[in-house]
Amino acid sequence: MSLRMIIDRKKIIKQALSGRGTVANDDFSPLDANYNANGYVAKQDVPRALALLKAAGYSKSNPLKFTLWTGSDNFPEVAKSFAEQVNSLSGGVAKVEVGIPSDYWDTKYMAKNVGAYTTYWNPKPYLVQAGQMLDVYDETHLAPKGSNNPYRKWYEQALAERNPAKRRALVKKMQAYHNVNGGYIVPFFLNVIDAHSTKVQGLEQRPASLNLDTFGMHFKRVWLA
């Protein structure tokens, strides 16, 4: 939570994306009808962030230290901007280094027991994204498997719920729980635009940003008229 509070998200967008992005509130799936249903707004609050670090036992003499791993194709400028802000605004209470692995499957990147890493996702419907980001993999699981974690219960209930209003209420609970207990920092969304010729047929409107008619299909369902 402290690292979420300490960063200036607009500055990261300006530095790393040349301004081509929109501020995010650590919730994902911006194209989903239930995006940010709980109304959480991420705000920079440096004094509060430093107070949380102090409460956790960190200080200039005992700083929070970790390496933020990022792929060479994964906007390393974002990681660098994040590290610069944390290092300067924390006054030495937190020290972040940026590491770029030799290849995508390097054991130092996106591996279990690695302190922190950056990644990116194409926006998907919320429940699809939640299952992949917070439930499937041990290293990204929101809470230890087998623990009394209500997120999993709400997730299963939302998958089975056919009433949109009731499903939204469950998603709202999931988002609120993640905002307090989750470890993801989602500072921005890239600006996206899709354009194609009227001669291209087969593309379908979907609640996600996967080009060419869903990921993995490529040109199988697309043709030129």
Protein backbone atom coordinates (compact mmCIF):
# COMPACT_ATOMS: atom_id res chain seq x y z
CA MET A 1 0.00 0.00 0.00
CA SER A 2 2.82 2.43 0.83
CA LEU A 3 4.35 2.11 -2.64
CA ARG A 4 0.95 2.69 -4.22
CA MET A 5 0.64 5.92 -2.26
CA ILE A 6 4.12 7.26 -2.87
CA ILE A 7 4.07 7.37 -6.68
CA ASP A 8 2.85 10.14 -8.96
CA ARG A 9 0.96 8.26 -11.66
CA LYS A 10 0.59 11.21 -14.01
CA LYS A 11 4.35 11.75 -13.88
CA ILE A 12 5.00 8.11 -14.81
CA ILE A 13 2.66 8.47 -17.80
CA LYS A 14 4.44 11.64 -18.87
CA GLN A 15 7.95 10.25 -18.42
CA ALA A 16 7.52 6.71 -19.69
CA LEU A 17 4.64 6.99 -22.16
CA SER A 18 5.08 10.54 -23.47
CA GLY A 19 1.65 11.27 -22.03
CA ARG A 20 -0.12 8.55 -24.01
CA GLY A 21 -2.01 6.90 -21.18
CA THR A 22 -4.74 7.38 -18.61
CA VAL A 23 -4.42 7.15 -14.83
CA ALA A 24 -5.58 3.86 -13.27
CA ASN A 25 -6.62 3.11 -9.70
CA ASP A 26 -4.97 -0.32 -9.29
CA ASP A 27 -8.15 -1.96 -10.58
CA PHE A 28 -7.91 -3.81 -13.89
CA SER A 29 -10.27 -4.52 -16.83
CA PRO A 30 -11.12 -0.91 -17.78
CA LEU A 31 -13.46 -2.05 -20.57
CA ASP A 32 -15.58 -4.16 -18.23
CA ALA A 33 -18.99 -2.76 -17.27
CA ASN A 34 -18.06 -3.28 -13.61
CA TYR A 35 -14.69 -1.54 -13.76
CA ASN A 36 -13.94 0.30 -10.51
CA ALA A 37 -17.38 -0.56 -9.14
CA ASN A 38 -16.20 0.14 -5.60
CA GLY A 39 -15.20 3.69 -6.51
CA TYR A 40 -11.64 3.38 -5.16
CA VAL A 41 -9.40 6.28 -6.19
CA ALA A 42 -5.63 5.95 -5.88
CA LYS A 43 -4.11 9.20 -4.61
CA GLN A 44 -0.52 10.18 -3.98
CA ASP A 45 0.04 10.65 -0.26
CA VAL A 46 3.76 10.71 0.53
CA PRO A 47 3.42 11.41 4.31
CA ARG A 48 0.99 8.51 4.68
CA ALA A 49 3.26 6.24 2.62
CA LEU A 50 6.24 7.07 4.83
CA ALA A 51 4.14 6.49 7.95
CA LEU A 52 3.22 3.01 6.70
CA LEU A 53 6.87 2.22 5.95
CA LYS A 54 7.84 3.39 9.43
CA ALA A 55 5.09 1.28 11.01
CA ALA A 56 6.46 -1.72 9.14
CA GLY A 57 9.87 -1.15 10.71
CA TYR A 58 11.67 0.56 7.83
CA SER A 59 13.91 3.59 8.22
CA LYS A 60 16.98 5.20 6.65
CA SER A 61 19.16 2.85 8.67
CA ASN A 62 16.97 -0.13 7.77
CA PRO A 63 15.47 0.68 4.36
CA LEU A 64 13.09 -1.40 2.31
CA LYS A 65 15.26 -2.79 -0.49
CA PHE A 66 14.27 -4.80 -3.55
CA THR A 67 15.00 -5.20 -7.24
CA LEU A 68 12.17 -4.46 -9.66
CA TRP A 69 12.60 -6.84 -12.58
CA THR A 70 11.27 -5.79 -15.97
CA GLY A 71 11.48 -7.32 -19.43
CA SER A 72 13.28 -5.42 -22.18
CA ASP A 73 10.01 -5.48 -24.16
CA ASN A 74 7.97 -4.52 -21.13
CA PHE A 75 8.33 -0.75 -20.93
CA PRO A 76 11.50 -0.64 -18.81
CA GLU A 77 11.02 3.13 -18.74
CA VAL A 78 8.00 2.57 -16.47
CA ALA A 79 10.08 0.59 -13.98
CA LYS A 80 12.81 3.24 -14.07
CA SER A 81 10.33 6.07 -13.48
CA PHE A 82 8.74 4.14 -10.60
CA ALA A 83 12.12 3.45 -8.98
CA GLU A 84 13.26 7.06 -9.34
CA GLN A 85 10.12 8.31 -7.60
CA VAL A 86 10.28 5.81 -4.75
CA ASN A 87 13.97 6.44 -4.15
CA SER A 88 13.68 10.22 -4.17
CA LEU A 89 10.36 10.68 -2.36
CA SER A 90 11.06 8.14 0.37
CA GLY A 91 14.17 10.00 1.48
CA GLY A 92 16.17 6.79 1.67
CA VAL A 93 13.56 4.77 3.56
CA ALA A 94 12.96 2.69 0.41
CA LYS A 95 15.57 1.78 -2.20
CA VAL A 96 14.55 0.21 -5.49
CA GLU A 97 16.88 -1.05 -8.20
CA VAL A 98 15.73 -1.93 -11.72
CA GLY A 99 16.84 -5.24 -13.16
CA ILE A 100 16.54 -6.31 -16.80
CA PRO A 101 16.95 -10.09 -17.26
CA SER A 102 18.85 -11.66 -20.13
CA ASP A 103 15.69 -13.16 -21.62
CA TYR A 104 11.96 -13.46 -20.94
CA TRP A 105 12.24 -16.84 -19.23
CA ASP A 106 15.13 -15.81 -17.02
CA THR A 107 14.71 -17.22 -13.50
CA LYS A 108 14.98 -13.69 -12.11
CA TYR A 109 11.90 -12.48 -13.96
CA MET A 110 8.29 -13.50 -13.29
CA ALA A 111 9.43 -16.38 -11.11
CA LYS A 112 8.37 -17.60 -7.70
CA ASN A 113 10.09 -15.87 -4.77
CA VAL A 114 11.15 -12.89 -6.92
CA GLY A 115 10.44 -9.73 -4.94
CA ALA A 116 8.81 -7.63 -7.64
CA TYR A 117 8.45 -7.51 -11.40
CA THR A 118 6.53 -5.61 -14.05
CA THR A 119 4.23 -7.15 -16.59
CA TYR A 120 1.39 -6.11 -18.87
CA TRP A 121 -1.99 -7.50 -19.90
CA ASN A 122 -4.46 -6.84 -22.66
CA PRO A 123 -7.65 -5.80 -20.87
CA LYS A 124 -10.11 -8.67 -20.51
CA PRO A 125 -13.49 -8.96 -18.75
CA TYR A 126 -12.99 -8.57 -15.01
CA LEU A 127 -13.70 -12.14 -13.91
CA VAL A 128 -11.43 -13.58 -16.61
CA GLN A 129 -8.65 -11.22 -15.57
CA ALA A 130 -9.20 -11.86 -11.87
CA GLY A 131 -8.89 -15.59 -12.34
CA GLN A 132 -5.57 -15.23 -14.17
CA MET A 133 -4.02 -12.49 -12.06
CA LEU A 134 -5.19 -13.32 -8.56
CA ASP A 135 -6.20 -16.95 -8.35
CA VAL A 136 -4.47 -19.39 -10.72
CA TYR A 137 -0.74 -19.00 -10.12
CA ASP A 138 0.90 -19.50 -6.73
CA GLU A 139 3.19 -16.50 -7.15
CA THR A 140 0.29 -14.13 -7.87
CA HIS A 141 -2.33 -15.67 -5.56
CA LEU A 142 -4.07 -12.99 -3.54
CA ALA A 143 -3.90 -15.08 -0.36
CA PRO A 144 -2.27 -18.42 0.49
CA LYS A 145 -4.27 -21.31 -0.86
CA GLY A 146 -6.29 -22.98 1.85
CA SER A 147 -6.55 -19.79 3.91
CA ASN A 148 -9.85 -18.17 4.80
CA ASN A 149 -9.83 -15.92 1.75
CA PRO A 150 -13.26 -14.49 0.84
CA TYR A 151 -12.00 -13.36 -2.58
CA ARG A 152 -12.11 -16.92 -3.92
CA LYS A 153 -15.65 -17.42 -2.59
CA TRP A 154 -16.89 -14.19 -4.18
CA TYR A 155 -15.12 -15.07 -7.42
CA GLU A 156 -16.92 -18.42 -7.69
CA GLN A 157 -20.24 -16.82 -6.77
CA ALA A 158 -19.78 -14.11 -9.40
CA LEU A 159 -18.99 -16.68 -12.09
CA ALA A 160 -22.24 -18.49 -11.33
CA GLU A 161 -24.38 -15.35 -10.90
CA ARG A 162 -26.61 -14.56 -13.90
CA ASN A 163 -28.14 -11.38 -12.48
CA PRO A 164 -25.97 -8.41 -13.59
CA ALA A 165 -26.76 -6.32 -10.50
CA LYS A 166 -25.93 -9.14 -8.09
CA ARG A 167 -22.76 -9.95 -10.03
CA ARG A 168 -21.71 -6.31 -9.85
CA ALA A 169 -22.19 -6.36 -6.07
CA LEU A 170 -19.86 -9.36 -5.82
CA VAL A 171 -17.28 -7.75 -8.11
CA LYS A 172 -17.44 -4.63 -5.94
CA LYS A 173 -16.50 -6.74 -2.90
CA MET A 174 -13.67 -8.39 -4.84
CA GLN A 175 -12.26 -5.05 -5.93
CA ALA A 176 -12.45 -3.58 -2.43
CA TYR A 177 -10.67 -6.63 -0.99
CA HIS A 178 -7.95 -6.44 -3.63
CA ASN A 179 -7.44 -2.71 -3.07
CA VAL A 180 -6.67 -3.38 0.60
CA ASN A 181 -4.95 -6.76 0.48
CA GLY A 182 -3.59 -7.13 -3.05
CA GLY A 183 -0.05 -6.39 -4.17
CA TYR A 184 -0.59 -5.18 -7.72
CA ILE A 185 0.10 -1.58 -8.65
CA VAL A 186 -1.79 -0.66 -11.82
CA PRO A 187 -0.75 2.97 -12.36
CA PHE A 188 -2.09 3.53 -15.87
CA PHE A 189 -3.73 2.16 -19.00
CA LEU A 190 -2.19 2.69 -22.40
CA ASN A 191 -4.23 4.67 -24.88
CA VAL A 192 -5.47 2.21 -27.51
CA ILE A 193 -7.01 2.72 -30.90
CA ASP A 194 -8.02 0.08 -33.43
CA ALA A 195 -8.46 0.99 -37.08
CA HIS A 196 -9.06 -1.16 -40.13
CA SER A 197 -10.29 -0.94 -43.69
CA THR A 198 -13.95 -1.48 -44.48
CA LYS A 199 -12.73 -4.27 -46.75
CA VAL A 200 -11.66 -6.30 -43.71
CA GLN A 201 -14.48 -8.60 -42.64
CA GLY A 202 -14.94 -11.01 -39.73
CA LEU A 203 -13.95 -8.76 -36.85
CA GLU A 204 -16.39 -8.74 -33.95
CA GLN A 205 -16.96 -6.20 -31.22
CA ARG A 206 -15.86 -7.66 -27.89
CA PRO A 207 -15.40 -6.32 -24.31
CA ALA A 208 -11.62 -6.64 -24.51
CA SER A 209 -8.68 -5.22 -26.44
CA LEU A 210 -7.43 -8.34 -28.20
CA ASN A 211 -6.86 -7.49 -31.82
CA LEU A 212 -7.79 -9.51 -34.90
CA ASP A 213 -10.81 -11.21 -33.37
CA THR A 214 -9.43 -12.61 -30.11
CA PHE A 215 -5.98 -13.73 -29.06
CA GLY A 216 -4.77 -16.95 -30.69
CA MET A 217 -7.17 -16.77 -33.65
CA HIS A 218 -4.99 -14.38 -35.70
CA PHE A 219 -6.43 -14.31 -39.24
CA LYS A 220 -8.48 -17.51 -39.02
CA ARG A 221 -11.79 -15.64 -38.87
CA VAL A 222 -10.80 -12.51 -40.76
CA TRP A 223 -10.95 -12.06 -44.51
CA LEU A 224 -10.73 -9.39 -47.19
CA ALA A 225 -13.93 -8.61 -49.05
